[in-house]
N, C-alpha and C. Protein backbone atom coordinates (compact mmCIF):
# COMPACT_ATOMS: atom_id res chain seq x y z
N MET A 1 120.34 122.49 77.33
CA MET A 1 120.65 121.33 78.00
C MET A 1 120.61 121.58 79.59
N VAL A 2 119.99 120.64 80.07
CA VAL A 2 119.65 120.67 81.46
C VAL A 2 120.96 120.30 82.42
N ARG A 3 121.19 121.18 83.43
CA ARG A 3 122.52 120.92 84.33
C ARG A 3 122.24 119.90 85.40
N PRO A 4 123.14 118.84 85.26
CA PRO A 4 123.07 117.97 86.27
C PRO A 4 123.03 118.40 87.61
N ARG A 5 122.44 117.75 88.65
CA ARG A 5 122.48 118.46 89.86
C ARG A 5 123.76 118.01 90.68
N GLU A 6 124.15 119.01 91.35
CA GLU A 6 125.46 118.95 91.84
C GLU A 6 125.64 118.59 93.25
N PHE A 7 124.64 117.83 93.65
CA PHE A 7 124.36 117.13 95.01
C PHE A 7 123.44 115.98 94.86
N ASP A 8 123.75 115.09 95.99
CA ASP A 8 122.95 113.77 95.88
C ASP A 8 121.47 114.11 96.39
N GLU A 9 120.56 113.98 95.80
CA GLU A 9 119.37 114.12 96.17
C GLU A 9 118.90 113.24 97.27
N ASP A 10 119.18 112.06 97.25
CA ASP A 10 118.73 110.90 98.31
C ASP A 10 119.35 111.54 99.66
N GLN A 11 120.77 111.72 99.83
CA GLN A 11 121.41 112.40 100.77
C GLN A 11 120.95 113.61 101.36
N ALA A 12 120.40 114.53 100.54
CA ALA A 12 119.88 115.86 100.75
C ALA A 12 118.47 115.38 101.38
N LEU A 13 117.73 114.66 101.15
CA LEU A 13 116.34 114.36 101.47
C LEU A 13 116.48 113.79 102.89
N ASN A 14 117.52 112.75 102.97
CA ASN A 14 117.84 112.25 104.32
C ASN A 14 118.12 113.24 105.32
N ALA A 15 118.96 114.15 105.09
CA ALA A 15 119.37 115.09 105.86
C ALA A 15 118.12 116.01 106.42
N ALA A 16 117.38 116.46 105.14
CA ALA A 16 116.06 117.08 105.59
C ALA A 16 115.03 116.20 106.58
N MET A 17 115.10 115.18 106.25
CA MET A 17 114.20 114.07 107.16
C MET A 17 114.70 114.06 108.51
N GLN A 18 115.80 114.16 108.82
CA GLN A 18 116.30 114.21 110.17
C GLN A 18 116.30 115.53 110.83
N ILE A 19 116.31 116.69 110.07
CA ILE A 19 116.08 117.80 110.81
C ILE A 19 114.55 118.16 110.97
N PHE A 20 113.80 117.64 110.28
CA PHE A 20 112.08 117.85 110.40
C PHE A 20 111.88 116.70 111.49
N TRP A 21 112.37 115.68 111.59
CA TRP A 21 112.07 114.78 112.35
C TRP A 21 112.53 115.40 113.96
N GLU A 22 113.62 115.93 114.01
CA GLU A 22 114.10 116.53 115.20
C GLU A 22 113.33 117.74 115.68
N LYS A 23 112.90 118.41 114.85
CA LYS A 23 112.20 119.87 114.91
C LYS A 23 110.88 119.85 114.99
N GLY A 24 110.36 118.83 113.91
CA GLY A 24 108.80 119.39 113.37
C GLY A 24 108.90 120.34 112.28
N PHE A 25 107.80 120.38 111.56
CA PHE A 25 107.53 121.06 110.61
C PHE A 25 107.75 122.81 110.88
N GLU A 26 106.92 123.02 111.61
CA GLU A 26 106.84 124.52 111.98
C GLU A 26 108.16 124.94 112.49
N ALA A 27 108.95 124.26 113.52
CA ALA A 27 109.99 125.09 113.94
C ALA A 27 111.16 124.89 113.33
N THR A 28 111.18 123.93 111.98
CA THR A 28 112.40 123.88 111.08
C THR A 28 112.29 125.13 110.03
N SER A 29 113.25 125.91 110.12
CA SER A 29 113.60 127.06 109.23
C SER A 29 114.26 126.72 107.97
N LEU A 30 114.07 127.51 106.89
CA LEU A 30 114.78 127.19 105.58
C LEU A 30 116.47 127.25 105.90
N SER A 31 116.72 128.02 106.87
CA SER A 31 118.25 128.21 107.35
C SER A 31 118.68 126.91 107.68
N ASP A 32 117.87 126.30 108.74
CA ASP A 32 118.11 124.90 109.13
C ASP A 32 118.24 123.92 108.03
N LEU A 33 117.12 123.91 107.09
CA LEU A 33 117.39 122.95 106.01
C LEU A 33 118.72 123.34 105.10
N THR A 34 118.86 124.43 104.53
CA THR A 34 120.00 124.77 103.86
C THR A 34 121.40 124.26 104.57
N SER A 35 121.29 124.62 105.87
CA SER A 35 122.60 124.02 106.77
C SER A 35 122.65 122.69 106.78
N LYS A 36 121.80 121.91 107.10
CA LYS A 36 121.60 120.45 107.26
C LYS A 36 121.73 119.67 105.95
N MET A 37 121.20 120.27 104.96
CA MET A 37 121.32 119.63 103.67
C MET A 37 122.52 120.11 102.95
N GLY A 38 123.05 120.99 103.32
CA GLY A 38 124.46 121.51 102.52
C GLY A 38 123.98 122.02 101.17
N ILE A 39 122.96 122.46 100.91
CA ILE A 39 122.56 123.14 99.75
C ILE A 39 121.86 124.59 99.85
N GLN A 40 121.75 125.41 98.83
CA GLN A 40 121.12 126.60 98.82
C GLN A 40 119.77 126.60 98.42
N ARG A 41 118.99 127.32 98.98
CA ARG A 41 117.46 127.59 98.59
C ARG A 41 117.01 127.19 97.27
N PRO A 42 117.76 127.91 96.08
CA PRO A 42 117.20 127.77 94.62
C PRO A 42 117.46 126.06 94.41
N SER A 43 118.27 125.32 95.02
CA SER A 43 118.70 124.04 94.95
C SER A 43 117.39 123.28 95.46
N ILE A 44 117.22 123.54 96.65
CA ILE A 44 115.99 122.86 97.42
C ILE A 44 114.63 123.23 96.59
N TYR A 45 114.30 124.26 96.38
CA TYR A 45 113.09 124.52 95.50
C TYR A 45 113.05 123.98 94.04
N ALA A 46 114.23 123.83 93.42
CA ALA A 46 114.45 123.26 92.20
C ALA A 46 114.16 121.75 92.24
N ALA A 47 114.78 121.03 93.21
CA ALA A 47 114.64 119.64 93.40
C ALA A 47 113.44 118.87 94.29
N PHE A 48 112.82 120.00 95.14
CA PHE A 48 111.80 119.44 96.01
C PHE A 48 110.65 120.32 95.90
N GLY A 49 110.56 121.46 95.58
CA GLY A 49 109.37 122.37 95.80
C GLY A 49 109.65 123.14 96.93
N ASP A 50 108.58 123.47 97.47
CA ASP A 50 108.55 124.40 98.58
C ASP A 50 108.85 123.58 99.78
N LYS A 51 108.82 124.31 101.22
CA LYS A 51 109.02 123.65 102.32
C LYS A 51 108.02 122.36 102.63
N LYS A 52 106.85 122.58 102.27
CA LYS A 52 105.85 121.75 102.62
C LYS A 52 105.99 120.47 101.81
N GLN A 53 106.23 120.69 100.32
CA GLN A 53 106.51 119.57 99.50
C GLN A 53 107.91 118.91 99.77
N LEU A 54 108.70 119.48 100.42
CA LEU A 54 110.14 118.79 100.96
C LEU A 54 109.61 117.78 102.21
N PHE A 55 108.90 118.56 103.02
CA PHE A 55 108.49 117.74 104.25
C PHE A 55 107.70 116.75 103.90
N GLU A 56 106.89 116.67 102.74
CA GLU A 56 106.08 115.41 102.42
C GLU A 56 106.84 114.35 101.87
N ALA A 57 107.96 114.88 100.99
CA ALA A 57 108.78 113.94 100.46
C ALA A 57 109.69 113.12 101.45
N ALA A 58 110.14 113.96 102.51
CA ALA A 58 110.82 113.52 103.57
C ALA A 58 110.07 112.38 104.40
N LEU A 59 108.69 112.82 104.57
CA LEU A 59 107.85 111.79 105.51
C LEU A 59 107.60 110.53 104.64
N ARG A 60 107.41 110.50 103.30
CA ARG A 60 107.23 109.54 102.50
C ARG A 60 108.46 108.53 102.53
N LYS A 61 109.78 109.18 102.45
CA LYS A 61 110.82 108.43 102.50
C LYS A 61 110.96 107.70 104.01
N TYR A 62 110.71 108.43 104.98
CA TYR A 62 110.40 107.89 106.39
C TYR A 62 109.48 106.53 106.51
N THR A 63 108.41 106.92 105.97
CA THR A 63 107.32 105.97 106.08
C THR A 63 107.67 104.39 105.18
N GLN A 64 108.30 104.67 104.23
CA GLN A 64 108.76 103.43 103.41
C GLN A 64 109.67 102.97 104.19
N SER A 65 110.66 103.61 104.66
CA SER A 65 111.83 102.99 105.58
C SER A 65 111.31 102.16 107.07
N HIS A 66 110.62 102.95 107.50
CA HIS A 66 109.84 102.52 108.72
C HIS A 66 108.87 101.37 108.51
N ALA A 67 108.19 101.27 107.59
CA ALA A 67 107.15 100.26 107.19
C ALA A 67 108.19 98.88 106.79
N ALA A 68 109.31 99.26 106.03
CA ALA A 68 110.20 98.12 105.75
C ALA A 68 110.74 97.57 107.17
N TYR A 69 111.22 98.39 107.97
CA TYR A 69 111.88 97.99 109.11
C TYR A 69 110.86 97.24 110.01
N VAL A 70 109.53 97.69 110.16
CA VAL A 70 108.84 96.75 110.97
C VAL A 70 108.41 95.55 110.62
N ARG A 71 108.10 95.36 109.35
CA ARG A 71 108.00 94.17 108.67
C ARG A 71 109.11 93.33 108.93
N SER A 72 110.43 93.65 108.70
CA SER A 72 111.62 92.84 108.89
C SER A 72 111.71 92.51 110.33
N ARG A 73 111.51 93.37 111.36
CA ARG A 73 111.50 93.02 112.63
C ARG A 73 110.57 91.80 113.09
N LEU A 74 109.21 92.01 112.71
CA LEU A 74 108.14 91.09 113.05
C LEU A 74 108.62 89.68 112.18
N GLN A 75 109.15 89.50 110.95
CA GLN A 75 109.37 88.51 110.17
C GLN A 75 110.65 87.65 110.73
N SER A 76 111.37 88.33 111.56
CA SER A 76 112.88 87.80 111.77
C SER A 76 112.80 87.04 112.91
N ASN A 77 111.65 86.44 113.68
CA ASN A 77 111.43 85.59 114.64
C ASN A 77 110.41 84.76 114.36
N SER A 78 110.67 83.38 114.52
CA SER A 78 109.46 82.18 114.11
C SER A 78 108.50 82.37 114.96
N SER A 79 108.64 82.89 116.46
CA SER A 79 107.82 83.04 117.43
C SER A 79 107.02 84.31 117.24
N VAL A 80 105.77 84.41 117.19
CA VAL A 80 104.82 85.55 116.86
C VAL A 80 104.89 86.49 118.04
N LYS A 81 104.80 85.57 119.11
CA LYS A 81 104.81 86.35 120.58
C LYS A 81 106.07 87.05 120.86
N GLU A 82 107.06 86.32 120.49
CA GLU A 82 108.54 86.73 120.64
C GLU A 82 108.77 88.25 119.82
N ALA A 83 108.25 88.03 118.59
CA ALA A 83 108.61 89.04 117.49
C ALA A 83 107.68 90.45 117.85
N PHE A 84 106.46 90.09 118.59
CA PHE A 84 105.84 91.41 119.17
C PHE A 84 106.55 91.97 120.31
N TYR A 85 106.89 90.99 121.27
CA TYR A 85 107.63 91.36 122.43
C TYR A 85 108.79 92.10 122.27
N ASN A 86 109.60 91.61 121.49
CA ASN A 86 110.82 92.29 121.04
C ASN A 86 110.71 93.58 120.50
N PHE A 87 109.73 93.70 119.46
CA PHE A 87 109.29 94.97 118.71
C PHE A 87 108.97 95.89 119.81
N PHE A 88 108.00 95.82 120.43
CA PHE A 88 107.27 96.75 121.36
C PHE A 88 108.48 97.01 122.63
N GLY A 89 109.00 95.94 122.91
CA GLY A 89 110.05 96.11 123.89
C GLY A 89 111.27 96.86 123.53
N GLY A 90 111.66 96.88 122.42
CA GLY A 90 112.74 97.41 121.71
C GLY A 90 112.55 99.13 121.58
N ILE A 91 111.00 99.27 121.27
CA ILE A 91 110.63 100.65 120.92
C ILE A 91 110.79 101.36 122.41
N VAL A 92 110.54 100.59 123.35
CA VAL A 92 110.46 101.13 124.77
C VAL A 92 111.92 101.39 125.20
N ALA A 93 112.70 100.42 125.06
CA ALA A 93 114.10 100.43 125.56
C ALA A 93 114.85 101.55 124.80
N GLU A 94 114.64 101.72 123.39
CA GLU A 94 115.17 102.82 122.64
C GLU A 94 115.03 104.24 123.13
N GLU A 95 113.74 104.48 123.75
CA GLU A 95 113.19 105.68 124.16
C GLU A 95 113.98 106.00 125.28
N TYR A 96 114.28 105.06 126.09
CA TYR A 96 114.98 105.40 127.66
C TYR A 96 116.34 105.38 127.41
N GLU A 97 116.99 105.46 126.17
CA GLU A 97 118.33 105.37 126.18
C GLU A 97 118.73 107.00 126.17
N ASP A 98 120.11 107.11 126.46
CA ASP A 98 120.48 108.38 126.39
C ASP A 98 120.38 108.79 124.87
N GLY A 99 120.09 110.44 124.76
CA GLY A 99 120.11 110.93 123.52
C GLY A 99 118.78 111.47 123.02
N PRO A 100 118.67 112.13 122.00
CA PRO A 100 117.44 112.81 121.78
C PRO A 100 116.17 111.82 121.75
N ASN A 101 115.14 112.39 122.11
CA ASN A 101 113.74 111.42 122.35
C ASN A 101 113.06 111.98 121.10
N ARG A 102 113.24 111.46 119.86
CA ARG A 102 112.44 111.96 118.70
C ARG A 102 111.16 111.27 118.33
N GLY A 103 111.03 110.28 119.04
CA GLY A 103 109.90 109.55 118.64
C GLY A 103 109.70 108.88 117.31
N CYS A 104 108.58 108.77 116.75
CA CYS A 104 108.20 108.57 115.36
C CYS A 104 107.95 109.64 114.53
N PHE A 105 108.62 109.88 113.34
CA PHE A 105 108.46 110.95 112.65
C PHE A 105 107.00 111.03 112.14
N CYS A 106 106.65 109.89 111.70
CA CYS A 106 105.03 109.84 111.16
C CYS A 106 104.18 110.12 112.42
N ILE A 107 104.29 109.78 113.56
CA ILE A 107 103.45 109.95 114.53
C ILE A 107 103.57 111.60 115.07
N ASN A 108 104.76 111.97 114.93
CA ASN A 108 105.22 113.52 115.59
C ASN A 108 104.19 114.16 114.36
N THR A 109 104.15 113.64 113.11
CA THR A 109 103.36 114.62 112.10
C THR A 109 101.93 114.43 112.30
N MET A 110 101.66 113.30 112.62
CA MET A 110 100.28 113.07 112.94
C MET A 110 99.64 114.05 114.20
N VAL A 111 100.47 114.32 114.98
CA VAL A 111 100.12 115.15 116.19
C VAL A 111 100.03 116.65 115.78
N GLU A 112 101.38 117.07 114.98
CA GLU A 112 101.76 118.35 114.67
C GLU A 112 100.72 118.72 113.50
N LEU A 113 100.58 118.35 112.34
CA LEU A 113 100.08 118.70 111.21
C LEU A 113 98.65 117.97 110.67
N ALA A 114 98.39 116.76 111.13
CA ALA A 114 97.33 116.08 110.55
C ALA A 114 95.75 116.94 111.07
N PRO A 115 96.01 117.17 112.29
CA PRO A 115 94.67 118.16 112.74
C PRO A 115 94.29 119.16 111.91
N HIS A 116 95.31 119.71 110.96
CA HIS A 116 95.10 120.99 110.35
C HIS A 116 95.50 121.15 108.77
N ASP A 117 95.69 119.88 108.51
CA ASP A 117 96.29 119.64 106.91
C ASP A 117 95.71 118.21 106.42
N GLU A 118 94.67 118.24 105.59
CA GLU A 118 94.12 117.05 105.01
C GLU A 118 95.09 116.06 104.42
N ARG A 119 96.20 116.68 103.79
CA ARG A 119 97.01 115.93 103.16
C ARG A 119 97.85 115.08 103.97
N PHE A 120 98.20 115.78 105.24
CA PHE A 120 99.12 114.91 106.06
C PHE A 120 98.36 113.99 107.08
N GLU A 121 96.97 114.29 107.21
CA GLU A 121 95.97 113.45 107.93
C GLU A 121 95.92 112.07 107.15
N ILE A 122 95.59 112.30 105.59
CA ILE A 122 95.80 111.10 104.86
C ILE A 122 96.94 110.47 104.93
N LEU A 123 98.17 110.86 104.62
CA LEU A 123 99.43 110.28 104.86
C LEU A 123 99.77 109.52 105.94
N THR A 124 99.47 110.18 106.95
CA THR A 124 99.71 109.55 108.30
C THR A 124 98.68 108.27 108.72
N ARG A 125 97.39 108.49 108.29
CA ARG A 125 96.47 107.46 108.23
C ARG A 125 96.91 106.30 107.48
N GLU A 126 97.29 106.55 106.40
CA GLU A 126 97.66 105.47 105.62
C GLU A 126 98.86 104.58 105.94
N HIS A 127 99.76 105.25 106.80
CA HIS A 127 100.79 104.58 107.44
C HIS A 127 100.27 103.73 108.71
N GLN A 128 99.43 104.24 109.32
CA GLN A 128 98.74 103.40 110.41
C GLN A 128 98.11 102.16 109.72
N MET A 129 97.26 102.43 108.90
CA MET A 129 96.79 101.18 107.99
C MET A 129 97.69 100.15 107.54
N TYR A 130 98.88 100.70 107.10
CA TYR A 130 99.86 99.64 106.68
C TYR A 130 100.49 98.92 107.74
N LEU A 131 100.73 99.65 108.84
CA LEU A 131 101.11 98.83 110.16
C LEU A 131 100.20 98.11 110.53
N SER A 132 98.94 98.58 110.73
CA SER A 132 97.65 97.37 111.11
C SER A 132 97.91 96.23 110.31
N ALA A 133 97.99 96.46 108.91
CA ALA A 133 98.06 95.35 107.96
C ALA A 133 99.15 94.49 108.23
N VAL A 134 100.44 94.88 108.48
CA VAL A 134 101.56 94.27 108.77
C VAL A 134 101.19 93.45 110.08
N PHE A 135 100.95 93.97 111.16
CA PHE A 135 100.48 93.41 112.56
C PHE A 135 99.55 92.41 112.26
N GLN A 136 98.39 92.34 111.69
CA GLN A 136 97.47 91.35 111.14
C GLN A 136 98.19 90.26 110.66
N GLU A 137 98.77 90.40 109.50
CA GLU A 137 99.65 89.27 108.83
C GLU A 137 100.20 88.62 109.81
N THR A 138 100.99 89.38 110.58
CA THR A 138 101.82 88.46 111.68
C THR A 138 100.94 87.57 112.59
N LEU A 139 99.82 88.11 113.05
CA LEU A 139 99.01 87.51 113.91
C LEU A 139 98.35 86.13 113.15
N GLU A 140 98.14 86.61 112.04
CA GLU A 140 97.43 85.37 111.20
C GLU A 140 98.44 84.36 111.14
N ARG A 141 99.71 84.70 110.82
CA ARG A 141 100.89 83.71 110.70
C ARG A 141 100.90 82.86 112.09
N GLY A 142 100.81 83.53 113.35
CA GLY A 142 100.70 82.77 114.56
C GLY A 142 99.63 82.07 114.84
N ILE A 143 98.30 82.41 114.17
CA ILE A 143 97.01 81.51 114.21
C ILE A 143 97.37 80.15 113.50
N ARG A 144 97.87 80.43 112.34
CA ARG A 144 98.10 79.46 111.25
C ARG A 144 98.91 78.32 111.96
N SER A 145 100.09 78.87 112.62
CA SER A 145 100.97 78.00 113.21
C SER A 145 100.40 77.18 114.40
N GLY A 146 99.50 77.76 115.02
CA GLY A 146 99.11 77.18 116.19
C GLY A 146 99.62 77.86 117.46
N GLU A 147 100.47 78.79 117.32
CA GLU A 147 101.00 79.50 118.41
C GLU A 147 100.00 80.31 119.16
N LEU A 148 99.04 80.89 118.35
CA LEU A 148 97.90 82.00 118.84
C LEU A 148 96.55 81.15 118.61
N GLU A 149 95.61 81.51 119.58
CA GLU A 149 94.45 80.88 119.54
C GLU A 149 93.73 80.99 118.21
N ALA A 150 93.05 80.14 117.68
CA ALA A 150 92.14 80.10 116.55
C ALA A 150 91.29 81.03 116.38
N SER A 151 90.57 81.53 117.59
CA SER A 151 89.39 82.19 117.76
C SER A 151 89.97 83.85 117.82
N MET A 152 91.20 84.08 117.85
CA MET A 152 91.64 85.29 117.85
C MET A 152 91.05 86.19 116.96
N ASP A 153 90.70 87.43 117.03
CA ASP A 153 90.35 88.57 116.02
C ASP A 153 91.54 89.14 115.61
N ALA A 154 92.29 88.88 114.57
CA ALA A 154 93.62 89.40 114.22
C ALA A 154 93.57 90.82 113.92
N ARG A 155 92.28 91.03 113.28
CA ARG A 155 92.04 92.50 112.65
C ARG A 155 91.84 93.59 113.77
N ALA A 156 91.12 93.11 114.87
CA ALA A 156 90.83 93.66 115.95
C ALA A 156 92.01 93.99 116.84
N LEU A 157 92.89 92.88 117.08
CA LEU A 157 93.88 93.17 117.77
C LEU A 157 95.24 93.86 116.97
N ALA A 158 95.25 93.74 115.76
CA ALA A 158 96.25 94.65 115.09
C ALA A 158 95.81 95.98 115.26
N HIS A 159 94.67 96.43 115.17
CA HIS A 159 94.32 97.89 115.53
C HIS A 159 94.54 98.32 116.68
N THR A 160 94.30 97.36 117.79
CA THR A 160 94.57 97.68 119.11
C THR A 160 96.30 97.70 119.31
N MET A 161 97.03 97.11 118.78
CA MET A 161 98.57 97.25 118.62
C MET A 161 98.94 98.55 117.80
N VAL A 162 98.41 98.88 116.81
CA VAL A 162 98.59 100.29 116.24
C VAL A 162 98.33 101.37 117.29
N SER A 163 97.15 101.12 117.91
CA SER A 163 96.84 102.49 119.06
C SER A 163 97.96 102.28 120.16
N LEU A 164 98.26 101.16 120.40
CA LEU A 164 99.17 101.06 121.65
C LEU A 164 100.63 101.80 121.12
N LEU A 165 100.86 101.55 119.88
CA LEU A 165 102.21 101.99 119.41
C LEU A 165 102.31 103.51 119.38
N ILE A 166 101.18 103.94 118.89
CA ILE A 166 100.85 105.43 118.79
C ILE A 166 100.88 105.99 120.18
N GLY A 167 100.09 105.21 120.96
CA GLY A 167 99.97 105.96 122.36
C GLY A 167 101.49 105.86 123.00
N ILE A 168 102.11 104.81 123.29
CA ILE A 168 103.31 104.59 123.75
C ILE A 168 104.35 105.87 123.25
N THR A 169 104.31 105.96 122.04
CA THR A 169 105.25 106.88 121.35
C THR A 169 105.09 108.22 121.59
N VAL A 170 103.85 108.42 121.70
CA VAL A 170 103.44 109.88 121.97
C VAL A 170 103.62 110.47 123.51
N MET A 171 103.51 109.06 124.50
CA MET A 171 103.59 109.36 125.89
C MET A 171 105.20 109.36 126.14
N MET A 172 105.93 108.67 125.43
CA MET A 172 107.38 108.59 125.74
C MET A 172 107.94 110.16 125.83
N LYS A 173 107.38 111.03 125.07
CA LYS A 173 107.83 112.26 125.07
C LYS A 173 107.76 113.06 126.43
N SER A 174 106.90 112.58 127.17
CA SER A 174 107.04 113.03 128.72
C SER A 174 107.78 112.15 129.57
N ARG A 175 108.52 111.22 129.04
CA ARG A 175 109.45 110.28 129.92
C ARG A 175 108.83 109.70 131.22
N PRO A 176 107.61 109.08 131.00
CA PRO A 176 106.74 108.41 132.17
C PRO A 176 107.64 107.39 132.91
N ALA A 177 107.30 106.79 133.94
CA ALA A 177 107.91 105.82 134.84
C ALA A 177 108.08 104.50 133.77
N ARG A 178 109.19 104.03 133.77
CA ARG A 178 109.52 102.86 132.97
C ARG A 178 108.46 101.53 133.20
N SER A 179 108.06 101.37 134.31
CA SER A 179 107.15 100.66 134.78
C SER A 179 105.77 100.59 134.46
N PHE A 180 105.53 101.84 133.95
CA PHE A 180 104.15 102.47 133.35
C PHE A 180 103.91 101.87 132.10
N VAL A 181 104.98 102.00 131.12
CA VAL A 181 105.01 101.56 129.99
C VAL A 181 105.31 100.14 129.64
N ASP A 182 106.33 99.66 130.64
CA ASP A 182 106.51 98.08 130.53
C ASP A 182 105.22 97.16 130.84
N GLN A 183 104.50 97.91 131.70
CA GLN A 183 102.94 97.29 132.13
C GLN A 183 102.13 97.26 130.70
N ALA A 184 102.13 98.27 130.07
CA ALA A 184 101.41 98.42 128.93
C ALA A 184 101.88 97.34 127.79
N VAL A 185 103.24 97.07 127.66
CA VAL A 185 103.52 95.97 126.65
C VAL A 185 103.33 94.54 127.34
N ALA A 186 103.52 94.34 128.63
CA ALA A 186 103.03 93.19 129.33
C ALA A 186 101.60 92.69 129.02
N THR A 187 100.91 93.65 129.09
CA THR A 187 99.17 93.61 128.90
C THR A 187 99.00 93.15 127.42
N LEU A 188 100.05 93.57 126.46
CA LEU A 188 99.73 93.24 125.06
C LEU A 188 99.94 91.85 125.21
N LEU A 189 101.02 91.28 125.81
CA LEU A 189 101.31 89.82 125.53
C LEU A 189 100.31 88.90 126.21
N ILE A 190 99.47 89.64 127.26
CA ILE A 190 98.50 88.82 127.84
C ILE A 190 97.35 88.91 126.85
N LEU A 191 97.17 89.58 126.03
CA LEU A 191 96.29 89.63 124.91
C LEU A 191 96.75 88.48 123.81
N LEU A 192 97.92 88.43 123.50
CA LEU A 192 98.54 87.45 122.50
C LEU A 192 98.31 86.15 123.17
N ASP A 193 98.23 85.94 124.43
CA ASP A 193 97.93 84.60 124.96
C ASP A 193 96.45 84.09 125.00
N GLY A 194 95.77 85.27 124.59
CA GLY A 194 94.32 84.96 124.50
C GLY A 194 93.44 84.85 125.87
N LYS A 195 93.99 85.56 126.86
CA LYS A 195 93.61 85.33 128.24
C LYS A 195 92.89 86.56 128.68
């Protein structure tokens, strides 16, 4: 008879996600993981596999949660322009708050692992494409409502927005002048105005 797990797998995975998000894959040790997750190595291996498999499970958990968050944020406002302004403005404001500057776990993974590991290249690219699809859907909603110009290329602008999101998130690691980042977000709004 198989013994039931003596820990909550979802809580353990969430703890692993937090430490990987904070430190990255390479800098996170198995000791970090056992300490943060509150379980021993044999339990980690039995439930999640090796460190890379655990990292992949944590990344998948994050991207699912992040995708739902982005969709919810963009759908929560009837004005598409305001939805994007609040979304991008919120990312910038959050990064300038006191506390750890962790950025986006998926983008961090794209920078750290994707250039050297095809599996993570694919996983991070899939998330980029999902975000692009959500952005495009939101832009098309604005076009249908008449808030945005009918001639707008929603697909191209959605790709531009994903690039801006990745660029801002990576750049925030060096804490650029707030005005520099605010200007990038303001320029996005100009694009939404079709000017």
